Amino acid sequence: MKRRNNLYKNTYELENIIQAFNEVCKNTKNKRKVHNYKQYKCIYISRVYNTLVTRTYKVGPYNVFTIYEPKERRIVSQNMHDKIINHLVSRHILYPALLPCLINANVASRVNMGTKRGIELAMNFHRICKLKYGKYYILKCDISKFFASINHDILKEKLKRKIKDKDALNIVFSIIDSDENGLSIGNMTSQVLAIFYLNDLDHYIKEILKIKYYIRYQDDFLLFHPSKSYLKYCMEQIKIFLSKEQLILNPKTRIYSNNNNFIFLGRNKKGKYSKYRDVHRKLKKRIYLYKNGLISFNSLLSSINCYQHLCPTKFKNNKC
């Protein structure tokens, strides 16, 4: 695949900036901030345009906070100006340069992909392997502190092999270097760069290890095979490969038989949702917000419909 050139100029086209502006406003939860920002829309769009045209963009300070569900994670948030530029870099530099080289087994952060696609593939592979092999095994891998462990120098070298445009590389590198450790969870660019970082591993597993039934969602991935001993060999080879990427496997990594139950993307091997307690807690919170006038009835109804899809049995028994 040839390196992509002439990417940077697309970031400061007015149509693209307006589209990114509208997208950021739509997805920003702080509606008061969005309202104030929209009042001076032309000024802010002009500011983004001038920053990109003059090549003077510097990443602003992050608002850093920690979440504890489903596990402790460091999350960052940016101001509106930085969010718009982040979207422009993702849509018009990273997407056209990086997405074409990704394989279909990589199901994260792309159109027509996501957790739903990952669960569908996993269930399909279970059915195929059951019919084809009878007894089979699954190697479930998880990378320890994936986003925080991504090496900047290795990532930059990978990007240089895909992008030729120097201006595009400069702005992407400035975003990467804005966080001292790995990539910041919360940026659109971080999602794209993270799924690209392990692209070489995807090709290694599919083409060198010859694993036909393989799925990866960010740092969680499954390998299906009839031989347990071969999956043990694969696990050792994956550890060696990841050591070159400055990554290590989580101790939770292990091999399951087809009779074992395990969780992938929040579902068990039958595709059923596994965290009913979390759904119950979140639904109670949504009802509380509605009763206090903080969300609309339509928002509450949407949440109920979503959770009913996740755990229909619990709703049927009035337990959720």
C-alpha atoms as a PDB file:
ATOM      1  CA  MET A   1       0.000   0.000   0.000  1.00  0.00           C
ATOM      2  CA  LYS A   2       1.383   3.398  -1.033  1.00  0.00           C
ATOM      3  CA  ARG A   3       1.882   6.171   1.515  1.00  0.00           C
ATOM      4  CA  ARG A   4      -0.882   8.776   1.449  1.00  0.00           C
ATOM      5  CA  ASN A   5      -0.047  12.382   0.545  1.00  0.00           C
ATOM      6  CA  ASN A   6      -1.963  15.685   0.316  1.00  0.00           C
ATOM      7  CA  LEU A   7      -4.042  14.955   3.395  1.00  0.00           C
ATOM      8  CA  TYR A   8      -3.488  18.070   5.505  1.00  0.00           C
ATOM      9  CA  LYS A   9      -5.214  20.481   3.113  1.00  0.00           C
ATOM     10  CA  ASN A  10      -8.541  18.698   3.716  1.00  0.00           C
ATOM     11  CA  THR A  11      -8.485  19.676   7.393  1.00  0.00           C
ATOM     12  CA  TYR A  12      -8.948  23.407   6.713  1.00  0.00           C
ATOM     13  CA  GLU A  13     -11.654  23.220   4.061  1.00  0.00           C
ATOM     14  CA  LEU A  14     -14.586  25.243   5.403  1.00  0.00           C
ATOM     15  CA  GLU A  15     -17.158  22.525   4.707  1.00  0.00           C
ATOM     16  CA  ASN A  16     -15.135  20.029   6.717  1.00  0.00           C
ATOM     17  CA  ILE A  17     -14.660  22.485   9.609  1.00  0.00           C
ATOM     18  CA  ILE A  18     -18.393  23.259   9.743  1.00  0.00           C
ATOM     19  CA  GLN A  19     -19.214  19.550   9.707  1.00  0.00           C
ATOM     20  CA  ALA A  20     -16.730  18.889  12.538  1.00  0.00           C
ATOM     21  CA  PHE A  21     -18.133  21.874  14.485  1.00  0.00           C
ATOM     22  CA  ASN A  22     -21.681  20.514  14.249  1.00  0.00           C
ATOM     23  CA  GLU A  23     -20.568  16.998  15.169  1.00  0.00           C
ATOM     24  CA  VAL A  24     -18.689  18.180  18.256  1.00  0.00           C
ATOM     25  CA  CYS A  25     -21.634  20.327  19.384  1.00  0.00           C
ATOM     26  CA  LYS A  26     -24.009  17.390  18.960  1.00  0.00           C
ATOM     27  CA  ASN A  27     -21.829  14.969  20.949  1.00  0.00           C
ATOM     28  CA  THR A  28     -20.767  17.331  23.762  1.00  0.00           C
ATOM     29  CA  LYS A  29     -22.723  16.607  26.945  1.00  0.00           C
ATOM     30  CA  ASN A  30     -22.283  20.077  28.453  1.00  0.00           C
ATOM     31  CA  LYS A  31     -25.121  21.788  26.563  1.00  0.00           C
ATOM     32  CA  ARG A  32     -24.531  25.141  28.273  1.00  0.00           C
ATOM     33  CA  LYS A  33     -21.014  25.215  26.857  1.00  0.00           C
ATOM     34  CA  VAL A  34     -22.386  24.227  23.429  1.00  0.00           C
ATOM     35  CA  HIS A  35     -24.996  27.012  23.543  1.00  0.00           C
ATOM     36  CA  ASN A  36     -22.349  29.626  24.341  1.00  0.00           C
ATOM     37  CA  TYR A  37     -20.100  28.259  21.617  1.00  0.00           C
ATOM     38  CA  LYS A  38     -22.822  28.344  18.965  1.00  0.00           C
ATOM     39  CA  GLN A  39     -23.524  32.014  19.655  1.00  0.00           C
ATOM     40  CA  TYR A  40     -20.129  32.861  18.165  1.00  0.00           C
ATOM     41  CA  LYS A  41     -19.988  30.076  15.594  1.00  0.00           C
ATOM     42  CA  CYS A  42     -18.414  32.152  12.814  1.00  0.00           C
ATOM     43  CA  ILE A  43     -15.654  33.434  15.096  1.00  0.00           C
ATOM     44  CA  TYR A  44     -14.717  29.984  16.332  1.00  0.00           C
ATOM     45  CA  ILE A  45     -14.789  28.439  12.862  1.00  0.00           C
ATOM     46  CA  SER A  46     -12.562  31.268  11.607  1.00  0.00           C
ATOM     47  CA  ARG A  47     -10.172  30.656  14.514  1.00  0.00           C
ATOM     48  CA  VAL A  48      -9.921  26.937  13.679  1.00  0.00           C
ATOM     49  CA  TYR A  49      -9.364  27.753  10.005  1.00  0.00           C
ATOM     50  CA  ASN A  50      -6.570  30.259  10.719  1.00  0.00           C
ATOM     51  CA  THR A  51      -4.866  27.895  13.160  1.00  0.00           C
ATOM     52  CA  LEU A  52      -4.758  25.088  10.601  1.00  0.00           C
ATOM     53  CA  VAL A  53      -3.832  27.245   7.595  1.00  0.00           C
ATOM     54  CA  THR A  54      -0.902  28.866   9.419  1.00  0.00           C
ATOM     55  CA  ARG A  55       0.242  25.493  10.836  1.00  0.00           C
ATOM     56  CA  THR A  56       0.378  27.001  14.365  1.00  0.00           C
ATOM     57  CA  TYR A  57      -1.808  24.510  16.235  1.00  0.00           C
ATOM     58  CA  LYS A  58      -0.704  23.543  19.730  1.00  0.00           C
ATOM     59  CA  VAL A  59      -2.712  21.084  21.800  1.00  0.00           C
ATOM     60  CA  GLY A  60      -4.450  22.796  24.711  1.00  0.00           C
ATOM     61  CA  PRO A  61      -4.459  21.536  28.317  1.00  0.00           C
ATOM     62  CA  TYR A  62      -6.482  18.442  29.132  1.00  0.00           C
ATOM     63  CA  ASN A  63      -9.198  18.181  31.738  1.00  0.00           C
ATOM     64  CA  VAL A  64      -8.225  14.900  33.414  1.00  0.00           C
ATOM     65  CA  PHE A  65     -10.582  12.775  35.523  1.00  0.00           C
ATOM     66  CA  THR A  66     -10.894   9.133  36.590  1.00  0.00           C
ATOM     67  CA  ILE A  67     -13.753   6.677  36.096  1.00  0.00           C
ATOM     68  CA  TYR A  68     -14.160   3.472  38.092  1.00  0.00           C
ATOM     69  CA  GLU A  69     -16.730   1.521  36.018  1.00  0.00           C
ATOM     70  CA  PRO A  70     -16.193  -1.058  34.614  1.00  0.00           C
ATOM     71  CA  LYS A  71     -12.651  -0.534  35.926  1.00  0.00           C
ATOM     72  CA  GLU A  72     -10.420   2.377  36.921  1.00  0.00           C
ATOM     73  CA  ARG A  73      -9.386   4.432  33.902  1.00  0.00           C
ATOM     74  CA  ARG A  74      -7.802   7.843  33.341  1.00  0.00           C
ATOM     75  CA  ILE A  75      -9.990   9.871  30.961  1.00  0.00           C
ATOM     76  CA  VAL A  76      -9.264  13.248  29.359  1.00  0.00           C
ATOM     77  CA  SER A  77     -11.526  15.925  27.960  1.00  0.00           C
ATOM     78  CA  GLN A  78     -10.584  18.859  25.715  1.00  0.00           C
ATOM     79  CA  ASN A  79     -12.009  22.303  25.072  1.00  0.00           C
ATOM     80  CA  MET A  80     -14.254  22.795  22.027  1.00  0.00           C
ATOM     81  CA  HIS A  81     -11.473  24.227  19.837  1.00  0.00           C
ATOM     82  CA  ASP A  82      -9.231  21.201  20.405  1.00  0.00           C
ATOM     83  CA  LYS A  83     -12.114  18.768  19.937  1.00  0.00           C
ATOM     84  CA  ILE A  84     -12.920  20.200  16.506  1.00  0.00           C
ATOM     85  CA  ILE A  85      -9.302  19.960  15.349  1.00  0.00           C
ATOM     86  CA  ASN A  86      -9.088  16.450  16.797  1.00  0.00           C
ATOM     87  CA  HIS A  87     -12.124  15.445  14.732  1.00  0.00           C
ATOM     88  CA  LEU A  88     -10.690  17.025  11.589  1.00  0.00           C
ATOM     89  CA  VAL A  89      -7.377  15.194  12.016  1.00  0.00           C
ATOM     90  CA  SER A  90      -9.204  11.905  12.559  1.00  0.00           C
ATOM     91  CA  ARG A  91     -11.678  12.261   9.687  1.00  0.00           C
ATOM     92  CA  HIS A  92      -9.366  13.693   7.044  1.00  0.00           C
ATOM     93  CA  ILE A  93      -5.880  12.408   7.907  1.00  0.00           C
ATOM     94  CA  LEU A  94      -6.083   9.217   9.957  1.00  0.00           C
ATOM     95  CA  TYR A  95      -9.218   7.665   8.461  1.00  0.00           C
ATOM     96  CA  PRO A  96      -8.142   7.772   4.789  1.00  0.00           C
ATOM     97  CA  ALA A  97      -4.544   6.791   5.604  1.00  0.00           C
ATOM     98  CA  LEU A  98      -5.033   4.048   8.190  1.00  0.00           C
ATOM     99  CA  LEU A  99      -8.464   2.438   7.874  1.00  0.00           C
ATOM    100  CA  PRO A 100      -7.870   0.801   4.455  1.00  0.00           C
ATOM    101  CA  CYS A 101      -5.028  -1.289   5.884  1.00  0.00           C
ATOM    102  CA  LEU A 102      -7.074  -2.710   8.786  1.00  0.00           C
ATOM    103  CA  ILE A 103      -8.476  -6.225   8.538  1.00  0.00           C
ATOM    104  CA  ASN A 104     -12.137  -7.120   9.131  1.00  0.00           C
ATOM    105  CA  ALA A 105     -11.261  -9.093  12.258  1.00  0.00           C
ATOM    106  CA  ASN A 106     -10.459  -5.751  13.906  1.00  0.00           C
ATOM    107  CA  VAL A 107     -13.971  -4.602  14.857  1.00  0.00           C
ATOM    108  CA  ALA A 108     -13.420  -1.442  16.950  1.00  0.00           C
ATOM    109  CA  SER A 109     -14.110   2.243  16.200  1.00  0.00           C
ATOM    110  CA  ARG A 110     -15.246   2.018  12.586  1.00  0.00           C
ATOM    111  CA  VAL A 111     -18.472   2.358  10.630  1.00  0.00           C
ATOM    112  CA  ASN A 112     -20.544  -0.865  10.706  1.00  0.00           C
ATOM    113  CA  MET A 113     -18.194  -2.228  13.374  1.00  0.00           C
ATOM    114  CA  GLY A 114     -18.192  -2.069  17.170  1.00  0.00           C
ATOM    115  CA  THR A 115     -19.233  -4.328  20.038  1.00  0.00           C
ATOM    116  CA  LYS A 116     -22.314  -5.554  18.176  1.00  0.00           C
ATOM    117  CA  ARG A 117     -20.198  -6.734  15.241  1.00  0.00           C
ATOM    118  CA  GLY A 118     -17.669  -8.318  17.617  1.00  0.00           C
ATOM    119  CA  ILE A 119     -20.383 -10.267  19.457  1.00  0.00           C
ATOM    120  CA  GLU A 120     -21.927 -11.413  16.160  1.00  0.00           C
ATOM    121  CA  LEU A 121     -18.535 -12.669  14.924  1.00  0.00           C
ATOM    122  CA  ALA A 122     -17.802 -14.452  18.212  1.00  0.00           C
ATOM    123  CA  MET A 123     -21.155 -16.255  18.212  1.00  0.00           C
ATOM    124  CA  ASN A 124     -20.720 -17.157  14.547  1.00  0.00           C
ATOM    125  CA  PHE A 125     -17.240 -18.594  15.210  1.00  0.00           C
ATOM    126  CA  HIS A 126     -18.629 -20.644  18.112  1.00  0.00           C
ATOM    127  CA  ARG A 127     -21.257 -22.158  15.804  1.00  0.00           C
ATOM    128  CA  ILE A 128     -18.776 -22.867  13.001  1.00  0.00           C
ATOM    129  CA  CYS A 129     -16.189 -24.451  15.305  1.00  0.00           C
ATOM    130  CA  LYS A 130     -18.844 -26.563  17.042  1.00  0.00           C
ATOM    131  CA  LEU A 131     -19.990 -28.007  13.709  1.00  0.00           C
ATOM    132  CA  LYS A 132     -16.495 -28.295  12.240  1.00  0.00           C
ATOM    133  CA  TYR A 133     -14.461 -29.583  15.188  1.00  0.00           C
ATOM    134  CA  GLY A 134     -16.903 -30.679  17.900  1.00  0.00           C
ATOM    135  CA  LYS A 135     -14.434 -29.833  20.673  1.00  0.00           C
ATOM    136  CA  TYR A 136     -12.358 -26.681  20.297  1.00  0.00           C
ATOM    137  CA  TYR A 137     -10.481 -24.110  22.376  1.00  0.00           C
ATOM    138  CA  ILE A 138     -10.417 -20.333  22.645  1.00  0.00           C
ATOM    139  CA  LEU A 139      -7.398 -18.241  23.573  1.00  0.00           C
ATOM    140  CA  LYS A 140      -8.722 -15.048  25.195  1.00  0.00           C
ATOM    141  CA  CYS A 141      -6.084 -12.322  25.380  1.00  0.00           C
ATOM    142  CA  ASP A 142      -6.085  -8.937  27.075  1.00  0.00           C
ATOM    143  CA  ILE A 143      -3.255  -6.402  27.000  1.00  0.00           C
ATOM    144  CA  SER A 144      -2.301  -4.814  30.303  1.00  0.00           C
ATOM    145  CA  LYS A 145      -2.901  -1.015  30.441  1.00  0.00           C
ATOM    146  CA  PHE A 146      -3.043  -0.827  26.663  1.00  0.00           C
ATOM    147  CA  PHE A 147      -3.612   2.891  26.015  1.00  0.00           C
ATOM    148  CA  ALA A 148      -1.122   3.998  28.666  1.00  0.00           C
ATOM    149  CA  SER A 149       1.531   1.568  27.354  1.00  0.00           C
ATOM    150  CA  ILE A 150       1.513   2.610  23.679  1.00  0.00           C
ATOM    151  CA  ASN A 151       5.043   3.668  22.763  1.00  0.00           C
ATOM    152  CA  HIS A 152       5.172   7.043  20.966  1.00  0.00           C
ATOM    153  CA  ASP A 153       8.301   6.317  18.929  1.00  0.00           C
ATOM    154  CA  ILE A 154       7.009   2.966  17.669  1.00  0.00           C
ATOM    155  CA  LEU A 155       3.636   4.517  16.785  1.00  0.00           C
ATOM    156  CA  LYS A 156       5.302   7.364  14.881  1.00  0.00           C
ATOM    157  CA  GLU A 157       7.393   4.942  12.840  1.00  0.00           C
ATOM    158  CA  LYS A 158       4.261   3.002  11.936  1.00  0.00           C
ATOM    159  CA  LEU A 159       2.551   6.237  10.842  1.00  0.00           C
ATOM    160  CA  LYS A 160       5.507   7.256   8.679  1.00  0.00           C
ATOM    161  CA  ARG A 161       5.037   4.041   6.702  1.00  0.00           C
ATOM    162  CA  LYS A 162       1.437   5.054   5.890  1.00  0.00           C
ATOM    163  CA  ILE A 163       1.521   8.867   5.643  1.00  0.00           C
ATOM    164  CA  LYS A 164       3.816  10.893   3.395  1.00  0.00           C
ATOM    165  CA  ASP A 165       2.361  14.372   4.024  1.00  0.00           C
ATOM    166  CA  LYS A 166       4.777  16.162   6.413  1.00  0.00           C
ATOM    167  CA  ASP A 167       2.189  18.692   7.644  1.00  0.00           C
ATOM    168  CA  ALA A 168      -0.218  15.852   8.418  1.00  0.00           C
ATOM    169  CA  LEU A 169       2.477  13.954  10.327  1.00  0.00           C
ATOM    170  CA  ASN A 170       3.467  17.066  12.297  1.00  0.00           C
ATOM    171  CA  ILE A 171      -0.030  17.728  13.620  1.00  0.00           C
ATOM    172  CA  VAL A 172      -0.620  14.027  14.408  1.00  0.00           C
ATOM    173  CA  PHE A 173       2.733  13.830  16.222  1.00  0.00           C
ATOM    174  CA  SER A 174       1.887  16.946  18.259  1.00  0.00           C
ATOM    175  CA  ILE A 175      -1.354  15.303  19.406  1.00  0.00           C
ATOM    176  CA  ILE A 176       0.477  12.072  20.287  1.00  0.00           C
ATOM    177  CA  ASP A 177       3.127  13.964  22.293  1.00  0.00           C
ATOM    178  CA  SER A 178       0.512  15.997  24.183  1.00  0.00           C
ATOM    179  CA  ASP A 179       0.283  13.114  26.675  1.00  0.00           C
ATOM    180  CA  GLU A 180       3.459  11.893  28.354  1.00  0.00           C
ATOM    181  CA  ASN A 181       2.313   8.293  28.757  1.00  0.00           C
ATOM    182  CA  GLY A 182       0.734   6.452  25.848  1.00  0.00           C
ATOM    183  CA  LEU A 183      -2.495   7.763  24.344  1.00  0.00           C
ATOM    184  CA  SER A 184      -5.213   9.678  26.154  1.00  0.00           C
ATOM    185  CA  ILE A 185      -8.558   7.895  26.443  1.00  0.00           C
ATOM    186  CA  GLY A 186     -11.249  10.341  25.365  1.00  0.00           C
ATOM    187  CA  ASN A 187      -9.768  11.690  22.125  1.00  0.00           C
ATOM    188  CA  MET A 188     -11.111  10.615  18.755  1.00  0.00           C
ATOM    189  CA  THR A 189      -7.549  10.390  17.414  1.00  0.00           C
ATOM    190  CA  SER A 190      -6.593   8.043  20.262  1.00  0.00           C
ATOM    191  CA  GLN A 191      -9.298   5.556  19.242  1.00  0.00           C
ATOM    192  CA  VAL A 192      -8.067   5.437  15.640  1.00  0.00           C
ATOM    193  CA  LEU A 193      -4.380   5.289  16.570  1.00  0.00           C
ATOM    194  CA  ALA A 194      -5.033   2.520  19.119  1.00  0.00           C
ATOM    195  CA  ILE A 195      -6.769   0.195  16.650  1.00  0.00           C
ATOM    196  CA  PHE A 196      -3.968   0.890  14.152  1.00  0.00           C
ATOM    197  CA  TYR A 197      -1.156   0.237  16.662  1.00  0.00           C
ATOM    198  CA  LEU A 198      -1.942  -3.493  16.782  1.00  0.00           C
ATOM    199  CA  ASN A 199      -2.568  -3.845  13.049  1.00  0.00           C
ATOM    200  CA  ASP A 200       0.768  -5.640  12.616  1.00  0.00           C
ATOM    201  CA  LEU A 201      -0.296  -8.108  15.314  1.00  0.00           C
ATOM    202  CA  ASP A 202      -3.546  -8.780  13.406  1.00  0.00           C
ATOM    203  CA  HIS A 203      -1.612  -9.647  10.252  1.00  0.00           C
ATOM    204  CA  TYR A 204       0.861 -11.762  12.248  1.00  0.00           C
ATOM    205  CA  ILE A 205      -1.923 -13.838  13.823  1.00  0.00           C
ATOM    206  CA  LYS A 206      -3.821 -14.284  10.558  1.00  0.00           C
ATOM    207  CA  GLU A 207      -0.920 -14.734   8.128  1.00  0.00           C
ATOM    208  CA  ILE A 208       1.936 -16.232  10.162  1.00  0.00           C
ATOM    209  CA  LEU A 209       0.128 -18.141  12.915  1.00  0.00           C
ATOM    210  CA  LYS A 210      -2.635 -19.060  10.411  1.00  0.00           C
ATOM    211  CA  ILE A 211      -5.524 -18.504  12.822  1.00  0.00           C
ATOM    212  CA  LYS A 212      -8.643 -18.510  10.661  1.00  0.00           C
ATOM    213  CA  TYR A 213     -11.161 -17.597  13.373  1.00  0.00           C
ATOM    214  CA  TYR A 214      -9.895 -14.449  15.079  1.00  0.00           C
ATOM    215  CA  ILE A 215     -11.528 -11.302  16.496  1.00  0.00           C
ATOM    216  CA  ARG A 216     -10.032  -8.193  18.101  1.00  0.00           C
ATOM    217  CA  TYR A 217     -11.732  -5.270  19.802  1.00  0.00           C
ATOM    218  CA  GLN A 218      -8.995  -2.792  20.808  1.00  0.00           C
ATOM    219  CA  ASP A 219      -6.815  -4.780  23.268  1.00  0.00           C
ATOM    220  CA  ASP A 220      -9.211  -7.719  23.757  1.00  0.00           C
ATOM    221  CA  PHE A 221      -8.977 -10.551  21.232  1.00  0.00           C
ATOM    222  CA  LEU A 222     -10.014 -14.169  20.733  1.00  0.00           C
ATOM    223  CA  LEU A 223      -8.324 -17.003  18.809  1.00  0.00           C
ATOM    224  CA  PHE A 224     -10.353 -20.140  18.003  1.00  0.00           C
ATOM    225  CA  HIS A 225      -8.596 -23.439  17.214  1.00  0.00           C
ATOM    226  CA  PRO A 226      -9.173 -27.213  17.702  1.00  0.00           C
ATOM    227  CA  SER A 227      -5.713 -27.729  19.222  1.00  0.00           C
ATOM    228  CA  LYS A 228      -5.032 -26.549  22.773  1.00  0.00           C
ATOM    229  CA  SER A 229      -1.290 -27.140  22.393  1.00  0.00           C
ATOM    230  CA  TYR A 230      -1.177 -24.960  19.294  1.00  0.00           C
ATOM    231  CA  LEU A 231      -2.968 -22.146  21.134  1.00  0.00           C
ATOM    232  CA  LYS A 232      -0.338 -22.410  23.892  1.00  0.00           C
ATOM    233  CA  TYR A 233       2.303 -21.995  21.216  1.00  0.00           C
ATOM    234  CA  CYS A 234       0.378 -19.016  19.781  1.00  0.00           C
ATOM    235  CA  MET A 235       0.208 -17.384  23.210  1.00  0.00           C
ATOM    236  CA  GLU A 236       3.983 -17.599  23.609  1.00  0.00           C
ATOM    237  CA  GLN A 237       4.549 -16.199  20.107  1.00  0.00           C
ATOM    238  CA  ILE A 238       2.109 -13.356  20.773  1.00  0.00           C
ATOM    239  CA  LYS A 239       3.993 -12.499  23.980  1.00  0.00           C
ATOM    240  CA  ILE A 240       7.242 -12.306  22.007  1.00  0.00           C
ATOM    241  CA  PHE A 241       5.615 -10.182  19.303  1.00  0.00           C
ATOM    242  CA  LEU A 242       4.067  -7.789  21.841  1.00  0.00           C
ATOM    243  CA  SER A 243       7.376  -7.365  23.660  1.00  0.00           C
ATOM    244  CA  LYS A 244       8.690  -5.731  20.479  1.00  0.00           C
ATOM    245  CA  GLU A 245       5.731  -3.322  20.651  1.00  0.00           C
ATOM    246  CA  GLN A 246       6.522  -2.542  24.332  1.00  0.00           C
ATOM    247  CA  LEU A 247       3.305  -4.282  25.445  1.00  0.00           C
ATOM    248  CA  ILE A 248       2.563  -7.215  27.753  1.00  0.00           C
ATOM    249  CA  LEU A 249      -0.404  -9.548  28.134  1.00  0.00           C
ATOM    250  CA  ASN A 250      -2.638  -9.230  31.171  1.00  0.00           C
ATOM    251  CA  PRO A 251      -2.398 -12.166  33.656  1.00  0.00           C
ATOM    252  CA  LYS A 252      -6.102 -12.793  32.939  1.00  0.00           C
ATOM    253  CA  THR A 253      -5.093 -14.172  29.521  1.00  0.00           C
ATOM    254  CA  ARG A 254      -5.916 -17.888  29.338  1.00  0.00           C
ATOM    255  CA  ILE A 255      -7.194 -20.741  27.171  1.00  0.00           C
ATOM    256  CA  TYR A 256     -10.813 -21.867  27.497  1.00  0.00           C
ATOM    257  CA  SER A 257     -12.474 -24.996  26.173  1.00  0.00           C
ATOM    258  CA  ASN A 258     -15.737 -24.697  24.281  1.00  0.00           C
ATOM    259  CA  ASN A 259     -17.576 -25.943  27.409  1.00  0.00           C
ATOM    260  CA  ASN A 260     -16.254 -23.096  29.580  1.00  0.00           C
ATOM    261  CA  ASN A 261     -18.137 -19.846  29.945  1.00  0.00           C
ATOM    262  CA  PHE A 262     -16.259 -16.558  29.610  1.00  0.00           C
ATOM    263  CA  ILE A 263     -17.039 -12.906  28.998  1.00  0.00           C
ATOM    264  CA  PHE A 264     -16.124 -11.057  25.787  1.00  0.00           C
ATOM    265  CA  LEU A 265     -17.350  -7.485  25.224  1.00  0.00           C
ATOM    266  CA  GLY A 266     -19.735  -7.800  28.148  1.00  0.00           C
ATOM    267  CA  ARG A 267     -21.493 -10.920  26.803  1.00  0.00           C
ATOM    268  CA  ASN A 268     -21.106 -14.623  27.454  1.00  0.00           C
ATOM    269  CA  LYS A 269     -20.529 -17.119  24.638  1.00  0.00           C
ATOM    270  CA  LYS A 270     -24.280 -17.341  23.998  1.00  0.00           C
ATOM    271  CA  GLY A 271     -24.446 -13.590  23.421  1.00  0.00           C
ATOM    272  CA  LYS A 272     -26.331 -12.867  26.645  1.00  0.00           C
ATOM    273  CA  TYR A 273     -25.524  -9.773  28.671  1.00  0.00           C
ATOM    274  CA  SER A 274     -23.491 -10.567  31.768  1.00  0.00           C
ATOM    275  CA  LYS A 275     -23.747  -7.499  34.013  1.00  0.00           C
ATOM    276  CA  TYR A 276     -27.375  -7.287  35.058  1.00  0.00           C
ATOM    277  CA  ARG A 277     -26.425  -5.593  38.332  1.00  0.00           C
ATOM    278  CA  ASP A 278     -24.864  -2.675  36.428  1.00  0.00           C
ATOM    279  CA  VAL A 279     -27.965  -2.347  34.245  1.00  0.00           C
ATOM    280  CA  HIS A 280     -30.219  -2.244  37.331  1.00  0.00           C
ATOM    281  CA  ARG A 281     -28.057   0.446  38.956  1.00  0.00           C
ATOM    282  CA  LYS A 282     -27.834   2.590  35.808  1.00  0.00           C
ATOM    283  CA  LEU A 283     -31.576   2.359  35.193  1.00  0.00           C
ATOM    284  CA  LYS A 284     -32.320   3.508  38.757  1.00  0.00           C
ATOM    285  CA  LYS A 285     -30.045   6.487  38.161  1.00  0.00           C
ATOM    286  CA  ARG A 286     -31.895   7.387  34.934  1.00  0.00           C
ATOM    287  CA  ILE A 287     -35.263   7.216  36.749  1.00  0.00           C
ATOM    288  CA  TYR A 288     -33.872   9.485  39.490  1.00  0.00           C
ATOM    289  CA  LEU A 289     -32.673  12.027  36.903  1.00  0.00           C
ATOM    290  CA  TYR A 290     -36.094  12.003  35.211  1.00  0.00           C
ATOM    291  CA  LYS A 291     -37.976  12.517  38.477  1.00  0.00           C
ATOM    292  CA  ASN A 292     -35.774  15.516  39.256  1.00  0.00           C
ATOM    293  CA  GLY A 293     -36.318  17.050  35.822  1.00  0.00           C
ATOM    294  CA  LEU A 294     -32.723  16.573  34.666  1.00  0.00           C
ATOM    295  CA  ILE A 295     -33.548  14.433  31.622  1.00  0.00           C
ATOM    296  CA  SER A 296     -36.586  14.221  29.343  1.00  0.00           C
ATOM    297  CA  PHE A 297     -39.126  11.401  29.199  1.00  0.00           C
ATOM    298  CA  ASN A 298     -37.873  10.489  25.702  1.00  0.00           C
ATOM    299  CA  SER A 299     -34.343  10.089  27.102  1.00  0.00           C
ATOM    300  CA  LEU A 300     -35.614   7.811  29.893  1.00  0.00           C
ATOM    301  CA  LEU A 301     -37.670   5.776  27.424  1.00  0.00           C
ATOM    302  CA  SER A 302     -34.629   5.343  25.154  1.00  0.00           C
ATOM    303  CA  SER A 303     -32.604   4.037  28.101  1.00  0.00           C
ATOM    304  CA  ILE A 304     -35.326   1.565  29.074  1.00  0.00           C
ATOM    305  CA  ASN A 305     -35.552   0.265  25.498  1.00  0.00           C
ATOM    306  CA  CYS A 306     -31.762  -0.134  25.349  1.00  0.00           C
ATOM    307  CA  TYR A 307     -31.545  -2.013  28.651  1.00  0.00           C
ATOM    308  CA  GLN A 308     -34.551  -4.152  27.743  1.00  0.00           C
ATOM    309  CA  HIS A 309     -32.619  -5.295  24.677  1.00  0.00           C
ATOM    310  CA  LEU A 310     -29.555  -6.085  26.817  1.00  0.00           C
ATOM    311  CA  CYS A 311     -31.407  -8.215  29.365  1.00  0.00           C
ATOM    312  CA  PRO A 312     -34.887  -9.161  28.103  1.00  0.00           C
ATOM    313  CA  THR A 313     -35.240 -12.051  30.587  1.00  0.00           C
ATOM    314  CA  LYS A 314     -34.709  -9.796  33.592  1.00  0.00           C
ATOM    315  CA  PHE A 315     -37.221  -7.257  32.274  1.00  0.00           C
ATOM    316  CA  LYS A 316     -39.736 -10.034  31.647  1.00  0.00           C
ATOM    317  CA  ASN A 317     -39.399 -11.172  35.264  1.00  0.00           C
ATOM    318  CA  ASN A 318     -39.517  -7.554  36.533  1.00  0.00           C
ATOM    319  CA  LYS A 319     -36.068  -7.886  38.094  1.00  0.00           C
ATOM    320  CA  CYS A 320     -34.329  -5.163  36.167  1.00  0.00           C
END
